[in-house]
């Protein structure tokens, strides 16, 4: 059976759509069992996907749900990559507290900053 021009390898599509930085990372996610195509687990990076397929996969701390709208011919700029899919990911709740009360990565906090982070004199170790 000849491969259809309207279908492409799963790992290649994930790389074209810029969900993963390299094709090897995309293939690793698929073989690790972290990608679902239309609700069923994808086991091979060579699995064919095409327009209309729904993909579910983890990207960082977020679970992404996307519908393939086009297959693409190259890994182009991000604006071109966004035309390859329709994002169906539910929006993250805005009321969620930050994962930890640590200082926001601007160097070591001063004594004043620590007082703001831990009011009442209760430090992180108490």
PDB file of N, CA and C in Angstrom:
ATOM      1  N   UNK A   1       0.836  -1.164   0.000  1.00  0.00           N
ATOM      2  CA  UNK A   1       0.000   0.000   0.000  1.00  0.00           C
ATOM      3  C   UNK A   1       0.889   1.238   0.000  1.00  0.00           C
ATOM      4  N   UNK A   2       0.696   2.142  -0.922  1.00  0.00           N
ATOM      5  CA  UNK A   2       1.504   3.353  -1.031  1.00  0.00           C
ATOM      6  C   UNK A   2       1.100   4.347   0.059  1.00  0.00           C
ATOM      7  N   UNK A   3       2.089   5.016   0.670  1.00  0.00           N
ATOM      8  CA  UNK A   3       1.735   5.997   1.702  1.00  0.00           C
ATOM      9  C   UNK A   3       0.990   7.177   1.104  1.00  0.00           C
ATOM     10  N   UNK A   4       0.009   7.641   1.824  1.00  0.00           N
ATOM     11  CA  UNK A   4      -0.815   8.754   1.370  1.00  0.00           C
ATOM     12  C   UNK A   4      -0.042  10.064   1.514  1.00  0.00           C
ATOM     13  N   UNK A   5      -0.278  10.991   0.591  1.00  0.00           N
ATOM     14  CA  UNK A   5       0.377  12.289   0.647  1.00  0.00           C
ATOM     15  C   UNK A   5      -0.227  13.153   1.754  1.00  0.00           C
ATOM     16  N   UNK A   6      -1.346  12.734   2.316  1.00  0.00           N
ATOM     17  CA  UNK A   6      -2.021  13.512   3.355  1.00  0.00           C
ATOM     18  C   UNK A   6      -1.673  13.029   4.755  1.00  0.00           C
ATOM     19  N   UNK A   7      -0.673  12.182   4.880  1.00  0.00           N
ATOM     20  CA  UNK A   7      -0.290  11.672   6.194  1.00  0.00           C
ATOM     21  C   UNK A   7       1.219  11.800   6.361  1.00  0.00           C
ATOM     22  N   UNK A   8       1.662  11.874   7.622  1.00  0.00           N
ATOM     23  CA  UNK A   8       3.082  12.063   7.920  1.00  0.00           C
ATOM     24  C   UNK A   8       3.402  11.315   9.208  1.00  0.00           C
ATOM     25  N   UNK A   9       4.669  11.007   9.412  1.00  0.00           N
ATOM     26  CA  UNK A   9       5.098  10.338  10.645  1.00  0.00           C
ATOM     27  C   UNK A   9       4.782  11.216  11.846  1.00  0.00           C
ATOM     28  N   UNK A  10       4.392  10.585  12.934  1.00  0.00           N
ATOM     29  CA  UNK A  10       4.021  11.308  14.152  1.00  0.00           C
ATOM     30  C   UNK A  10       5.186  12.128  14.698  1.00  0.00           C
ATOM     31  N   UNK A  11       6.367  11.530  14.801  1.00  0.00           N
ATOM     32  CA  UNK A  11       7.503  12.272  15.350  1.00  0.00           C
ATOM     33  C   UNK A  11       7.892  13.445  14.457  1.00  0.00           C
ATOM     34  N   UNK A  12       7.778  13.263  13.168  1.00  0.00           N
ATOM     35  CA  UNK A  12       8.117  14.330  12.239  1.00  0.00           C
ATOM     36  C   UNK A  12       7.112  15.479  12.349  1.00  0.00           C
ATOM     37  N   UNK A  13       5.824  15.147  12.497  1.00  0.00           N
ATOM     38  CA  UNK A  13       4.812  16.201  12.618  1.00  0.00           C
ATOM     39  C   UNK A  13       5.000  16.990  13.912  1.00  0.00           C
ATOM     40  N   UNK A  14       5.269  16.294  15.025  1.00  0.00           N
ATOM     41  CA  UNK A  14       5.491  16.977  16.301  1.00  0.00           C
ATOM     42  C   UNK A  14       6.686  17.922  16.213  1.00  0.00           C
ATOM     43  N   UNK A  15       7.702  17.520  15.462  1.00  0.00           N
ATOM     44  CA  UNK A  15       8.877  18.366  15.270  1.00  0.00           C
ATOM     45  C   UNK A  15       8.554  19.537  14.340  1.00  0.00           C
ATOM     46  N   UNK A  16       7.825  19.293  13.240  1.00  0.00           N
ATOM     47  CA  UNK A  16       7.418  20.357  12.314  1.00  0.00           C
ATOM     48  C   UNK A  16       6.575  21.402  13.031  1.00  0.00           C
ATOM     49  N   UNK A  17       5.680  20.969  13.900  1.00  0.00           N
ATOM     50  CA  UNK A  17       4.779  21.881  14.602  1.00  0.00           C
ATOM     51  C   UNK A  17       5.455  22.549  15.793  1.00  0.00           C
ATOM     52  N   UNK A  18       6.738  22.279  15.985  1.00  0.00           N
ATOM     53  CA  UNK A  18       7.567  22.912  17.016  1.00  0.00           C
ATOM     54  C   UNK A  18       7.126  22.617  18.444  1.00  0.00           C
ATOM     55  N   UNK A  19       6.602  21.430  18.680  1.00  0.00           N
ATOM     56  CA  UNK A  19       6.298  21.039  20.051  1.00  0.00           C
ATOM     57  C   UNK A  19       7.544  20.513  20.738  1.00  0.00           C
ATOM     58  N   UNK A  20       8.504  19.989  19.959  1.00  0.00           N
ATOM     59  CA  UNK A  20       9.764  19.482  20.482  1.00  0.00           C
ATOM     60  C   UNK A  20      10.908  20.070  19.676  1.00  0.00           C
ATOM     61  N   UNK A  21      12.013  20.329  20.345  1.00  0.00           N
ATOM     62  CA  UNK A  21      13.138  21.007  19.722  1.00  0.00           C
ATOM     63  C   UNK A  21      13.838  20.141  18.674  1.00  0.00           C
ATOM     64  N   UNK A  22      13.885  18.840  18.913  1.00  0.00           N
ATOM     65  CA  UNK A  22      14.502  17.937  17.947  1.00  0.00           C
ATOM     66  C   UNK A  22      13.550  16.795  17.631  1.00  0.00           C
ATOM     67  N   UNK A  23      13.787  16.182  16.493  1.00  0.00           N
ATOM     68  CA  UNK A  23      12.956  15.046  16.114  1.00  0.00           C
ATOM     69  C   UNK A  23      13.224  13.859  17.033  1.00  0.00           C
ATOM     70  N   UNK A  24      14.439  13.748  17.519  1.00  0.00           N
ATOM     71  CA  UNK A  24      14.787  12.678  18.449  1.00  0.00           C
ATOM     72  C   UNK A  24      14.018  12.787  19.758  1.00  0.00           C
ATOM     73  N   UNK A  25      13.841  14.004  20.263  1.00  0.00           N
ATOM     74  CA  UNK A  25      13.037  14.194  21.478  1.00  0.00           C
ATOM     75  C   UNK A  25      11.585  13.801  21.240  1.00  0.00           C
ATOM     76  N   UNK A  26      11.064  14.148  20.071  1.00  0.00           N
ATOM     77  CA  UNK A  26       9.685  13.787  19.735  1.00  0.00           C
ATOM     78  C   UNK A  26       9.544  12.269  19.657  1.00  0.00           C
ATOM     79  N   UNK A  27      10.506  11.614  19.020  1.00  0.00           N
ATOM     80  CA  UNK A  27      10.467  10.149  18.910  1.00  0.00           C
ATOM     81  C   UNK A  27      10.574   9.502  20.285  1.00  0.00           C
ATOM     82  N   UNK A  28      11.383  10.086  21.166  1.00  0.00           N
ATOM     83  CA  UNK A  28      11.518   9.551  22.526  1.00  0.00           C
ATOM     84  C   UNK A  28      10.221   9.642  23.308  1.00  0.00           C
ATOM     85  N   UNK A  29       9.469  10.716  23.139  1.00  0.00           N
ATOM     86  CA  UNK A  29       8.174  10.842  23.809  1.00  0.00           C
ATOM     87  C   UNK A  29       7.189   9.799  23.304  1.00  0.00           C
ATOM     88  N   UNK A  30       7.229   9.548  22.006  1.00  0.00           N
ATOM     89  CA  UNK A  30       6.307   8.564  21.427  1.00  0.00           C
ATOM     90  C   UNK A  30       6.662   7.168  21.901  1.00  0.00           C
ATOM     91  N   UNK A  31       7.946   6.781  21.825  1.00  0.00           N
ATOM     92  CA  UNK A  31       8.329   5.429  22.239  1.00  0.00           C
ATOM     93  C   UNK A  31       8.187   5.241  23.737  1.00  0.00           C
ATOM     94  N   UNK A  32       8.257   6.327  24.507  1.00  0.00           N
ATOM     95  CA  UNK A  32       8.059   6.235  25.949  1.00  0.00           C
ATOM     96  C   UNK A  32       6.601   6.085  26.337  1.00  0.00           C
ATOM     97  N   UNK A  33       5.691   6.150  25.369  1.00  0.00           N
ATOM     98  CA  UNK A  33       4.277   5.975  25.651  1.00  0.00           C
ATOM     99  C   UNK A  33       3.596   7.218  26.184  1.00  0.00           C
ATOM    100  N   UNK A  34       4.155   8.393  25.883  1.00  0.00           N
ATOM    101  CA  UNK A  34       3.602   9.636  26.412  1.00  0.00           C
ATOM    102  C   UNK A  34       2.742  10.384  25.405  1.00  0.00           C
ATOM    103  N   UNK A  35       2.471   9.793  24.256  1.00  0.00           N
ATOM    104  CA  UNK A  35       1.672  10.452  23.221  1.00  0.00           C
ATOM    105  C   UNK A  35       0.479   9.563  22.885  1.00  0.00           C
ATOM    106  N   UNK A  36      -0.708  10.186  22.792  1.00  0.00           N
ATOM    107  CA  UNK A  36      -1.912   9.463  22.385  1.00  0.00           C
ATOM    108  C   UNK A  36      -2.440  10.066  21.095  1.00  0.00           C
ATOM    109  N   UNK A  37      -2.855   9.190  20.198  1.00  0.00           N
ATOM    110  CA  UNK A  37      -3.447   9.614  18.927  1.00  0.00           C
ATOM    111  C   UNK A  37      -4.887   9.116  18.919  1.00  0.00           C
ATOM    112  N   UNK A  38      -5.832  10.045  18.889  1.00  0.00           N
ATOM    113  CA  UNK A  38      -7.264   9.719  18.904  1.00  0.00           C
ATOM    114  C   UNK A  38      -7.622   8.837  20.096  1.00  0.00           C
ATOM    115  N   UNK A  39      -6.987   9.075  21.240  1.00  0.00           N
ATOM    116  CA  UNK A  39      -7.319   8.357  22.465  1.00  0.00           C
ATOM    117  C   UNK A  39      -6.543   7.087  22.699  1.00  0.00           C
ATOM    118  N   UNK A  40      -5.848   6.561  21.691  1.00  0.00           N
ATOM    119  CA  UNK A  40      -5.075   5.340  21.895  1.00  0.00           C
ATOM    120  C   UNK A  40      -3.588   5.668  21.910  1.00  0.00           C
ATOM    121  N   UNK A  41      -2.853   4.953  22.716  1.00  0.00           N
ATOM    122  CA  UNK A  41      -1.435   5.219  22.905  1.00  0.00           C
ATOM    123  C   UNK A  41      -0.652   4.916  21.636  1.00  0.00           C
ATOM    124  N   UNK A  42       0.182   5.845  21.230  1.00  0.00           N
ATOM    125  CA  UNK A  42       1.060   5.638  20.080  1.00  0.00           C
ATOM    126  C   UNK A  42       2.308   4.914  20.577  1.00  0.00           C
ATOM    127  N   UNK A  43       2.704   3.851  19.885  1.00  0.00           N
ATOM    128  CA  UNK A  43       3.864   3.081  20.316  1.00  0.00           C
ATOM    129  C   UNK A  43       5.050   3.242  19.377  1.00  0.00           C
ATOM    130  N   UNK A  44       4.819   3.692  18.156  1.00  0.00           N
ATOM    131  CA  UNK A  44       5.911   3.846  17.193  1.00  0.00           C
ATOM    132  C   UNK A  44       5.972   5.284  16.684  1.00  0.00           C
ATOM    133  N   UNK A  45       7.163   5.851  16.580  1.00  0.00           N
ATOM    134  CA  UNK A  45       7.285   7.199  16.020  1.00  0.00           C
ATOM    135  C   UNK A  45       6.858   7.262  14.554  1.00  0.00           C
ATOM    136  N   UNK A  46       6.850   6.121  13.880  1.00  0.00           N
ATOM    137  CA  UNK A  46       6.492   6.083  12.462  1.00  0.00           C
ATOM    138  C   UNK A  46       4.987   5.999  12.239  1.00  0.00           C
ATOM    139  N   UNK A  47       4.198   6.032  13.307  1.00  0.00           N
ATOM    140  CA  UNK A  47       2.749   6.000  13.139  1.00  0.00           C
ATOM    141  C   UNK A  47       2.311   7.203  12.317  1.00  0.00           C
ATOM    142  N   UNK A  48       1.428   6.983  11.373  1.00  0.00           N
ATOM    143  CA  UNK A  48       0.981   8.038  10.469  1.00  0.00           C
ATOM    144  C   UNK A  48      -0.145   8.854  11.098  1.00  0.00           C
ATOM    145  N   UNK A  49      -0.055  10.175  10.965  1.00  0.00           N
ATOM    146  CA  UNK A  49      -1.115  11.080  11.408  1.00  0.00           C
ATOM    147  C   UNK A  49      -1.468  11.994  10.252  1.00  0.00           C
ATOM    148  N   UNK A  50      -2.675  12.490  10.277  1.00  0.00           N
ATOM    149  CA  UNK A  50      -3.132  13.379   9.219  1.00  0.00           C
ATOM    150  C   UNK A  50      -4.154  14.360   9.754  1.00  0.00           C
ATOM    151  N   UNK A  51      -4.647  15.216   8.896  1.00  0.00           N
ATOM    152  CA  UNK A  51      -5.639  16.201   9.327  1.00  0.00           C
ATOM    153  C   UNK A  51      -6.850  15.526   9.976  1.00  0.00           C
ATOM    154  N   UNK A  52      -7.289  16.082  11.103  1.00  0.00           N
ATOM    155  CA  UNK A  52      -8.437  15.543  11.829  1.00  0.00           C
ATOM    156  C   UNK A  52      -8.048  14.700  13.025  1.00  0.00           C
ATOM    157  N   UNK A  53      -6.811  14.211  13.088  1.00  0.00           N
ATOM    158  CA  UNK A  53      -6.369  13.412  14.230  1.00  0.00           C
ATOM    159  C   UNK A  53      -6.182  14.313  15.452  1.00  0.00           C
ATOM    160  N   UNK A  54      -6.494  13.776  16.630  1.00  0.00           N
ATOM    161  CA  UNK A  54      -6.333  14.510  17.883  1.00  0.00           C
ATOM    162  C   UNK A  54      -5.177  13.887  18.648  1.00  0.00           C
ATOM    163  N   UNK A  55      -4.197  14.713  19.021  1.00  0.00           N
ATOM    164  CA  UNK A  55      -3.022  14.248  19.745  1.00  0.00           C
ATOM    165  C   UNK A  55      -3.059  14.778  21.166  1.00  0.00           C
ATOM    166  N   UNK A  56      -2.694  13.932  22.119  1.00  0.00           N
ATOM    167  CA  UNK A  56      -2.603  14.314  23.520  1.00  0.00           C
ATOM    168  C   UNK A  56      -1.216  13.923  24.001  1.00  0.00           C
ATOM    169  N   UNK A  57      -0.477  14.886  24.561  1.00  0.00           N
ATOM    170  CA  UNK A  57       0.875  14.605  25.019  1.00  0.00           C
ATOM    171  C   UNK A  57       1.269  15.619  26.083  1.00  0.00           C
ATOM    172  N   UNK A  58       2.275  15.255  26.861  1.00  0.00           N
ATOM    173  CA  UNK A  58       2.782  16.146  27.899  1.00  0.00           C
ATOM    174  C   UNK A  58       3.893  16.994  27.312  1.00  0.00           C
ATOM    175  N   UNK A  59       3.843  18.286  27.630  1.00  0.00           N
ATOM    176  CA  UNK A  59       4.893  19.209  27.220  1.00  0.00           C
ATOM    177  C   UNK A  59       5.247  20.037  28.448  1.00  0.00           C
ATOM    178  N   UNK A  60       6.344  19.700  29.076  1.00  0.00           N
ATOM    179  CA  UNK A  60       6.702  20.334  30.342  1.00  0.00           C
ATOM    180  C   UNK A  60       5.731  19.882  31.412  1.00  0.00           C
ATOM    181  N   UNK A  61       5.163  20.832  32.142  1.00  0.00           N
ATOM    182  CA  UNK A  61       4.203  20.504  33.198  1.00  0.00           C
ATOM    183  C   UNK A  61       2.768  20.551  32.690  1.00  0.00           C
ATOM    184  N   UNK A  62       2.588  20.815  31.410  1.00  0.00           N
ATOM    185  CA  UNK A  62       1.251  20.982  30.836  1.00  0.00           C
ATOM    186  C   UNK A  62       0.912  19.797  29.921  1.00  0.00           C
ATOM    187  N   UNK A  63      -0.336  19.370  29.946  1.00  0.00           N
ATOM    188  CA  UNK A  63      -0.818  18.349  29.021  1.00  0.00           C
ATOM    189  C   UNK A  63      -1.469  19.061  27.853  1.00  0.00           C
ATOM    190  N   UNK A  64      -0.960  18.832  26.653  1.00  0.00           N
ATOM    191  CA  UNK A  64      -1.451  19.514  25.452  1.00  0.00           C
ATOM    192  C   UNK A  64      -2.409  18.601  24.707  1.00  0.00           C
ATOM    193  N   UNK A  65      -3.471  19.171  24.182  1.00  0.00           N
ATOM    194  CA  UNK A  65      -4.431  18.476  23.326  1.00  0.00           C
ATOM    195  C   UNK A  65      -4.543  19.314  22.063  1.00  0.00           C
ATOM    196  N   UNK A  66      -4.156  18.732  20.926  1.00  0.00           N
ATOM    197  CA  UNK A  66      -4.173  19.470  19.662  1.00  0.00           C
ATOM    198  C   UNK A  66      -4.824  18.623  18.581  1.00  0.00           C
ATOM    199  N   UNK A  67      -5.460  19.305  17.640  1.00  0.00           N
ATOM    200  CA  UNK A  67      -6.037  18.648  16.474  1.00  0.00           C
ATOM    201  C   UNK A  67      -5.172  19.014  15.273  1.00  0.00           C
ATOM    202  N   UNK A  68      -4.749  18.006  14.520  1.00  0.00           N
ATOM    203  CA  UNK A  68      -3.931  18.228  13.341  1.00  0.00           C
ATOM    204  C   UNK A  68      -4.816  18.828  12.257  1.00  0.00           C
ATOM    205  N   UNK A  69      -4.439  19.993  11.726  1.00  0.00           N
ATOM    206  CA  UNK A  69      -5.194  20.619  10.644  1.00  0.00           C
ATOM    207  C   UNK A  69      -4.462  20.533   9.316  1.00  0.00           C
ATOM    208  N   UNK A  70      -3.138  20.420   9.355  1.00  0.00           N
ATOM    209  CA  UNK A  70      -2.329  20.287   8.141  1.00  0.00           C
ATOM    210  C   UNK A  70      -1.075  19.498   8.495  1.00  0.00           C
ATOM    211  N   UNK A  71      -0.422  18.925   7.478  1.00  0.00           N
ATOM    212  CA  UNK A  71       0.762  18.127   7.769  1.00  0.00           C
ATOM    213  C   UNK A  71       2.054  18.913   7.659  1.00  0.00           C
ATOM    214  N   UNK A  72       2.113  19.927   6.827  1.00  0.00           N
ATOM    215  CA  UNK A  72       3.328  20.724   6.688  1.00  0.00           C
ATOM    216  C   UNK A  72       4.366  20.014   5.843  1.00  0.00           C
ATOM    217  N   UNK A  73       5.230  20.785   5.233  1.00  0.00           N
ATOM    218  CA  UNK A  73       6.270  20.204   4.384  1.00  0.00           C
ATOM    219  C   UNK A  73       7.662  20.446   4.932  1.00  0.00           C
ATOM    220  N   UNK A  74       7.781  21.359   5.900  1.00  0.00           N
ATOM    221  CA  UNK A  74       9.083  21.664   6.472  1.00  0.00           C
ATOM    222  C   UNK A  74       8.905  22.192   7.885  1.00  0.00           C
ATOM    223  N   UNK A  75      10.018  22.298   8.602  1.00  0.00           N
ATOM    224  CA  UNK A  75       9.987  22.893   9.939  1.00  0.00           C
ATOM    225  C   UNK A  75      10.300  24.366   9.777  1.00  0.00           C
ATOM    226  N   UNK A  76       9.262  25.137   9.557  1.00  0.00           N
ATOM    227  CA  UNK A  76       9.413  26.557   9.303  1.00  0.00           C
ATOM    228  C   UNK A  76       9.339  27.378  10.565  1.00  0.00           C
ATOM    229  N   UNK A  77       9.097  28.669  10.419  1.00  0.00           N
ATOM    230  CA  UNK A  77       8.987  29.547  11.588  1.00  0.00           C
ATOM    231  C   UNK A  77       7.760  29.220  12.442  1.00  0.00           C
ATOM    232  N   UNK A  78       7.745  29.758  13.649  1.00  0.00           N
ATOM    233  CA  UNK A  78       6.666  29.469  14.595  1.00  0.00           C
ATOM    234  C   UNK A  78       5.308  29.893  14.061  1.00  0.00           C
ATOM    235  N   UNK A  79       5.255  30.992  13.314  1.00  0.00           N
ATOM    236  CA  UNK A  79       3.970  31.436  12.766  1.00  0.00           C
ATOM    237  C   UNK A  79       3.429  30.421  11.759  1.00  0.00           C
ATOM    238  N   UNK A  80       4.306  29.816  11.007  1.00  0.00           N
ATOM    239  CA  UNK A  80       3.888  28.774  10.065  1.00  0.00           C
ATOM    240  C   UNK A  80       3.504  27.500  10.804  1.00  0.00           C
ATOM    241  N   UNK A  81       4.231  27.184  11.872  1.00  0.00           N
ATOM    242  CA  UNK A  81       3.948  25.972  12.649  1.00  0.00           C
ATOM    243  C   UNK A  81       2.577  26.039  13.306  1.00  0.00           C
ATOM    244  N   UNK A  82       2.140  27.234  13.724  1.00  0.00           N
ATOM    245  CA  UNK A  82       0.831  27.373  14.377  1.00  0.00           C
ATOM    246  C   UNK A  82      -0.326  27.085  13.429  1.00  0.00           C
ATOM    247  N   UNK A  83      -0.094  27.111  12.139  1.00  0.00           N
ATOM    248  CA  UNK A  83      -1.161  26.806  11.184  1.00  0.00           C
ATOM    249  C   UNK A  83      -1.350  25.306  11.012  1.00  0.00           C
ATOM    250  N   UNK A  84      -0.473  24.494  11.589  1.00  0.00           N
ATOM    251  CA  UNK A  84      -0.546  23.045  11.431  1.00  0.00           C
ATOM    252  C   UNK A  84      -1.507  22.384  12.419  1.00  0.00           C
ATOM    253  N   UNK A  85      -1.927  23.124  13.441  1.00  0.00           N
ATOM    254  CA  UNK A  85      -2.771  22.505  14.467  1.00  0.00           C
ATOM    255  C   UNK A  85      -3.753  23.511  15.040  1.00  0.00           C
ATOM    256  N   UNK A  86      -4.769  22.948  15.688  1.00  0.00           N
ATOM    257  CA  UNK A  86      -5.745  23.731  16.451  1.00  0.00           C
ATOM    258  C   UNK A  86      -5.580  23.323  17.909  1.00  0.00           C
ATOM    259  N   UNK A  87      -5.254  24.270  18.757  1.00  0.00           N
ATOM    260  CA  UNK A  87      -5.010  23.980  20.163  1.00  0.00           C
ATOM    261  C   UNK A  87      -6.336  23.799  20.890  1.00  0.00           C
ATOM    262  N   UNK A  88      -6.542  22.632  21.465  1.00  0.00           N
ATOM    263  CA  UNK A  88      -7.766  22.320  22.199  1.00  0.00           C
ATOM    264  C   UNK A  88      -7.481  22.150  23.690  1.00  0.00           C
ATOM    265  N   UNK A  89      -6.296  22.538  24.132  1.00  0.00           N
ATOM    266  CA  UNK A  89      -5.896  22.404  25.524  1.00  0.00           C
ATOM    267  C   UNK A  89      -6.789  23.274  26.397  1.00  0.00           C
ATOM    268  N   UNK A  90      -7.370  22.708  27.440  1.00  0.00           N
ATOM    269  CA  UNK A  90      -8.190  23.534  28.327  1.00  0.00           C
ATOM    270  C   UNK A  90      -7.310  24.580  29.009  1.00  0.00           C
ATOM    271  N   UNK A  91      -7.836  25.779  29.209  1.00  0.00           N
ATOM    272  CA  UNK A  91      -7.016  26.826  29.833  1.00  0.00           C
ATOM    273  C   UNK A  91      -6.665  26.473  31.278  1.00  0.00           C
ATOM    274  N   UNK A  92      -5.475  26.868  31.672  1.00  0.00           N
ATOM    275  CA  UNK A  92      -5.015  26.603  33.034  1.00  0.00           C
ATOM    276  C   UNK A  92      -5.795  27.492  33.999  1.00  0.00           C
ATOM    277  N   UNK A  93      -6.121  26.993  35.172  1.00  0.00           N
ATOM    278  CA  UNK A  93      -6.829  27.829  36.145  1.00  0.00           C
ATOM    279  C   UNK A  93      -5.945  28.998  36.571  1.00  0.00           C
ATOM    280  N   UNK A  94      -6.505  30.193  36.603  1.00  0.00           N
ATOM    281  CA  UNK A  94      -5.757  31.388  36.939  1.00  0.00           C
ATOM    282  C   UNK A  94      -5.581  31.548  38.449  1.00  0.00           C
ATOM    283  N   UNK A  95      -6.403  30.872  39.239  1.00  0.00           N
ATOM    284  CA  UNK A  95      -6.363  31.021  40.687  1.00  0.00           C
ATOM    285  C   UNK A  95      -5.333  30.116  41.346  1.00  0.00           C
ATOM    286  N   UNK A  96      -4.636  29.315  40.576  1.00  0.00           N
ATOM    287  CA  UNK A  96      -3.682  28.374  41.147  1.00  0.00           C
ATOM    288  C   UNK A  96      -2.502  29.129  41.762  1.00  0.00           C
ATOM    289  N   UNK A  97      -2.121  28.762  42.979  1.00  0.00           N
ATOM    290  CA  UNK A  97      -0.972  29.424  43.599  1.00  0.00           C
ATOM    291  C   UNK A  97       0.313  28.983  42.895  1.00  0.00           C
ATOM    292  N   UNK A  98       1.381  29.731  43.043  1.00  0.00           N
ATOM    293  CA  UNK A  98       2.643  29.307  42.439  1.00  0.00           C
ATOM    294  C   UNK A  98       3.089  27.986  43.043  1.00  0.00           C
ATOM    295  N   UNK A  99       3.876  27.198  42.321  1.00  0.00           N
ATOM    296  CA  UNK A  99       4.241  25.876  42.818  1.00  0.00           C
ATOM    297  C   UNK A  99       5.014  25.907  44.130  1.00  0.00           C
ATOM    298  N   UNK A 100       5.798  26.947  44.385  1.00  0.00           N
ATOM    299  CA  UNK A 100       6.487  27.071  45.660  1.00  0.00           C
ATOM    300  C   UNK A 100       6.665  28.554  45.972  1.00  0.00           C
ATOM    301  N   UNK A 101       6.798  28.894  47.238  1.00  0.00           N
ATOM    302  CA  UNK A 101       6.875  30.311  47.601  1.00  0.00           C
ATOM    303  C   UNK A 101       8.285  30.883  47.488  1.00  0.00           C
ATOM    304  N   UNK A 102       9.146  30.279  46.698  1.00  0.00           N
ATOM    305  CA  UNK A 102      10.522  30.736  46.610  1.00  0.00           C
ATOM    306  C   UNK A 102      10.641  32.071  45.898  1.00  0.00           C
ATOM    307  N   UNK A 103      11.746  32.672  46.097  1.00  0.00           N
ATOM    308  CA  UNK A 103      12.057  33.927  45.428  1.00  0.00           C
ATOM    309  C   UNK A 103      12.118  33.665  43.932  1.00  0.00           C
ATOM    310  N   UNK A 104      11.773  34.623  43.111  1.00  0.00           N
ATOM    311  CA  UNK A 104      11.528  34.400  41.684  1.00  0.00           C
ATOM    312  C   UNK A 104      12.772  34.381  40.819  1.00  0.00           C
ATOM    313  N   UNK A 105      13.892  33.928  41.322  1.00  0.00           N
ATOM    314  CA  UNK A 105      15.073  33.753  40.507  1.00  0.00           C
ATOM    315  C   UNK A 105      15.835  35.011  40.176  1.00  0.00           C
ATOM    316  N   UNK A 106      15.736  36.029  41.017  1.00  0.00           N
ATOM    317  CA  UNK A 106      16.445  37.284  40.753  1.00  0.00           C
ATOM    318  C   UNK A 106      17.660  37.386  41.669  1.00  0.00           C
ATOM    319  N   UNK A 107      18.338  36.314  41.908  1.00  0.00           N
ATOM    320  CA  UNK A 107      19.471  36.321  42.820  1.00  0.00           C
ATOM    321  C   UNK A 107      19.032  36.000  44.232  1.00  0.00           C
ATOM    322  N   UNK A 108      19.926  36.163  45.146  1.00  0.00           N
ATOM    323  CA  UNK A 108      19.622  35.872  46.544  1.00  0.00           C
ATOM    324  C   UNK A 108      18.738  36.972  47.118  1.00  0.00           C
ATOM    325  N   UNK A 109      17.644  36.600  47.792  1.00  0.00           N
ATOM    326  CA  UNK A 109      16.767  37.631  48.348  1.00  0.00           C
ATOM    327  C   UNK A 109      17.435  38.348  49.523  1.00  0.00           C
ATOM    328  N   UNK A 110      17.090  39.605  49.671  1.00  0.00           N
ATOM    329  CA  UNK A 110      17.598  40.375  50.797  1.00  0.00           C
ATOM    330  C   UNK A 110      16.774  40.031  52.038  1.00  0.00           C
ATOM    331  N   UNK A 111      17.215  40.572  53.173  1.00  0.00           N
ATOM    332  CA  UNK A 111      16.499  40.317  54.414  1.00  0.00           C
ATOM    333  C   UNK A 111      15.070  40.858  54.318  1.00  0.00           C
ATOM    334  N   UNK A 112      14.919  42.005  53.679  1.00  0.00           N
ATOM    335  CA  UNK A 112      13.598  42.602  53.501  1.00  0.00           C
ATOM    336  C   UNK A 112      12.712  41.718  52.626  1.00  0.00           C
ATOM    337  N   UNK A 113      13.299  41.190  51.533  1.00  0.00           N
ATOM    338  CA  UNK A 113      12.537  40.298  50.647  1.00  0.00           C
ATOM    339  C   UNK A 113      12.118  39.032  51.373  1.00  0.00           C
ATOM    340  N   UNK A 114      13.004  38.488  52.233  1.00  0.00           N
ATOM    341  CA  UNK A 114      12.650  37.281  52.979  1.00  0.00           C
ATOM    342  C   UNK A 114      11.503  37.545  53.937  1.00  0.00           C
ATOM    343  N   UNK A 115      11.467  38.727  54.510  1.00  0.00           N
ATOM    344  CA  UNK A 115      10.359  39.081  55.414  1.00  0.00           C
ATOM    345  C   UNK A 115       9.037  39.140  54.663  1.00  0.00           C
ATOM    346  N   UNK A 116       9.089  39.597  53.410  1.00  0.00           N
ATOM    347  CA  UNK A 116       7.873  39.636  52.597  1.00  0.00           C
ATOM    348  C   UNK A 116       7.424  38.231  52.215  1.00  0.00           C
ATOM    349  N   UNK A 117       8.385  37.354  51.954  1.00  0.00           N
ATOM    350  CA  UNK A 117       8.043  35.980  51.574  1.00  0.00           C
ATOM    351  C   UNK A 117       7.478  35.185  52.746  1.00  0.00           C
ATOM    352  N   UNK A 118       8.023  35.403  53.946  1.00  0.00           N
ATOM    353  CA  UNK A 118       7.626  34.637  55.117  1.00  0.00           C
ATOM    354  C   UNK A 118       7.209  35.585  56.236  1.00  0.00           C
ATOM    355  N   UNK A 119       6.005  36.162  56.160  1.00  0.00           N
ATOM    356  CA  UNK A 119       5.576  37.109  57.193  1.00  0.00           C
ATOM    357  C   UNK A 119       5.391  36.411  58.538  1.00  0.00           C
ATOM    358  N   UNK A 120       5.560  37.165  59.588  1.00  0.00           N
ATOM    359  CA  UNK A 120       5.369  36.611  60.929  1.00  0.00           C
ATOM    360  C   UNK A 120       6.596  35.916  61.472  1.00  0.00           C
ATOM    361  N   UNK A 121       7.715  36.018  60.757  1.00  0.00           N
ATOM    362  CA  UNK A 121       8.950  35.440  61.250  1.00  0.00           C
ATOM    363  C   UNK A 121       9.071  33.944  61.031  1.00  0.00           C
ATOM    364  N   UNK A 122       8.088  33.336  60.388  1.00  0.00           N
ATOM    365  CA  UNK A 122       8.200  31.894  60.160  1.00  0.00           C
ATOM    366  C   UNK A 122       8.939  31.674  58.856  1.00  0.00           C
ATOM    367  N   UNK A 123      10.115  31.133  58.960  1.00  0.00           N
ATOM    368  CA  UNK A 123      10.950  30.889  57.787  1.00  0.00           C
ATOM    369  C   UNK A 123      10.566  29.576  57.117  1.00  0.00           C
ATOM    370  N   UNK A 124      11.262  29.232  56.057  1.00  0.00           N
ATOM    371  CA  UNK A 124      10.942  28.005  55.342  1.00  0.00           C
ATOM    372  C   UNK A 124      11.266  26.747  56.126  1.00  0.00           C
ATOM    373  N   UNK A 125      12.167  26.837  57.130  1.00  0.00           N
ATOM    374  CA  UNK A 125      12.555  25.656  57.874  1.00  0.00           C
ATOM    375  C   UNK A 125      11.819  25.518  59.192  1.00  0.00           C
ATOM    376  N   UNK A 126      11.037  26.497  59.560  1.00  0.00           N
ATOM    377  CA  UNK A 126      10.331  26.430  60.848  1.00  0.00           C
ATOM    378  C   UNK A 126       8.966  25.833  60.682  1.00  0.00           C
TER     379      UNK A 126
END
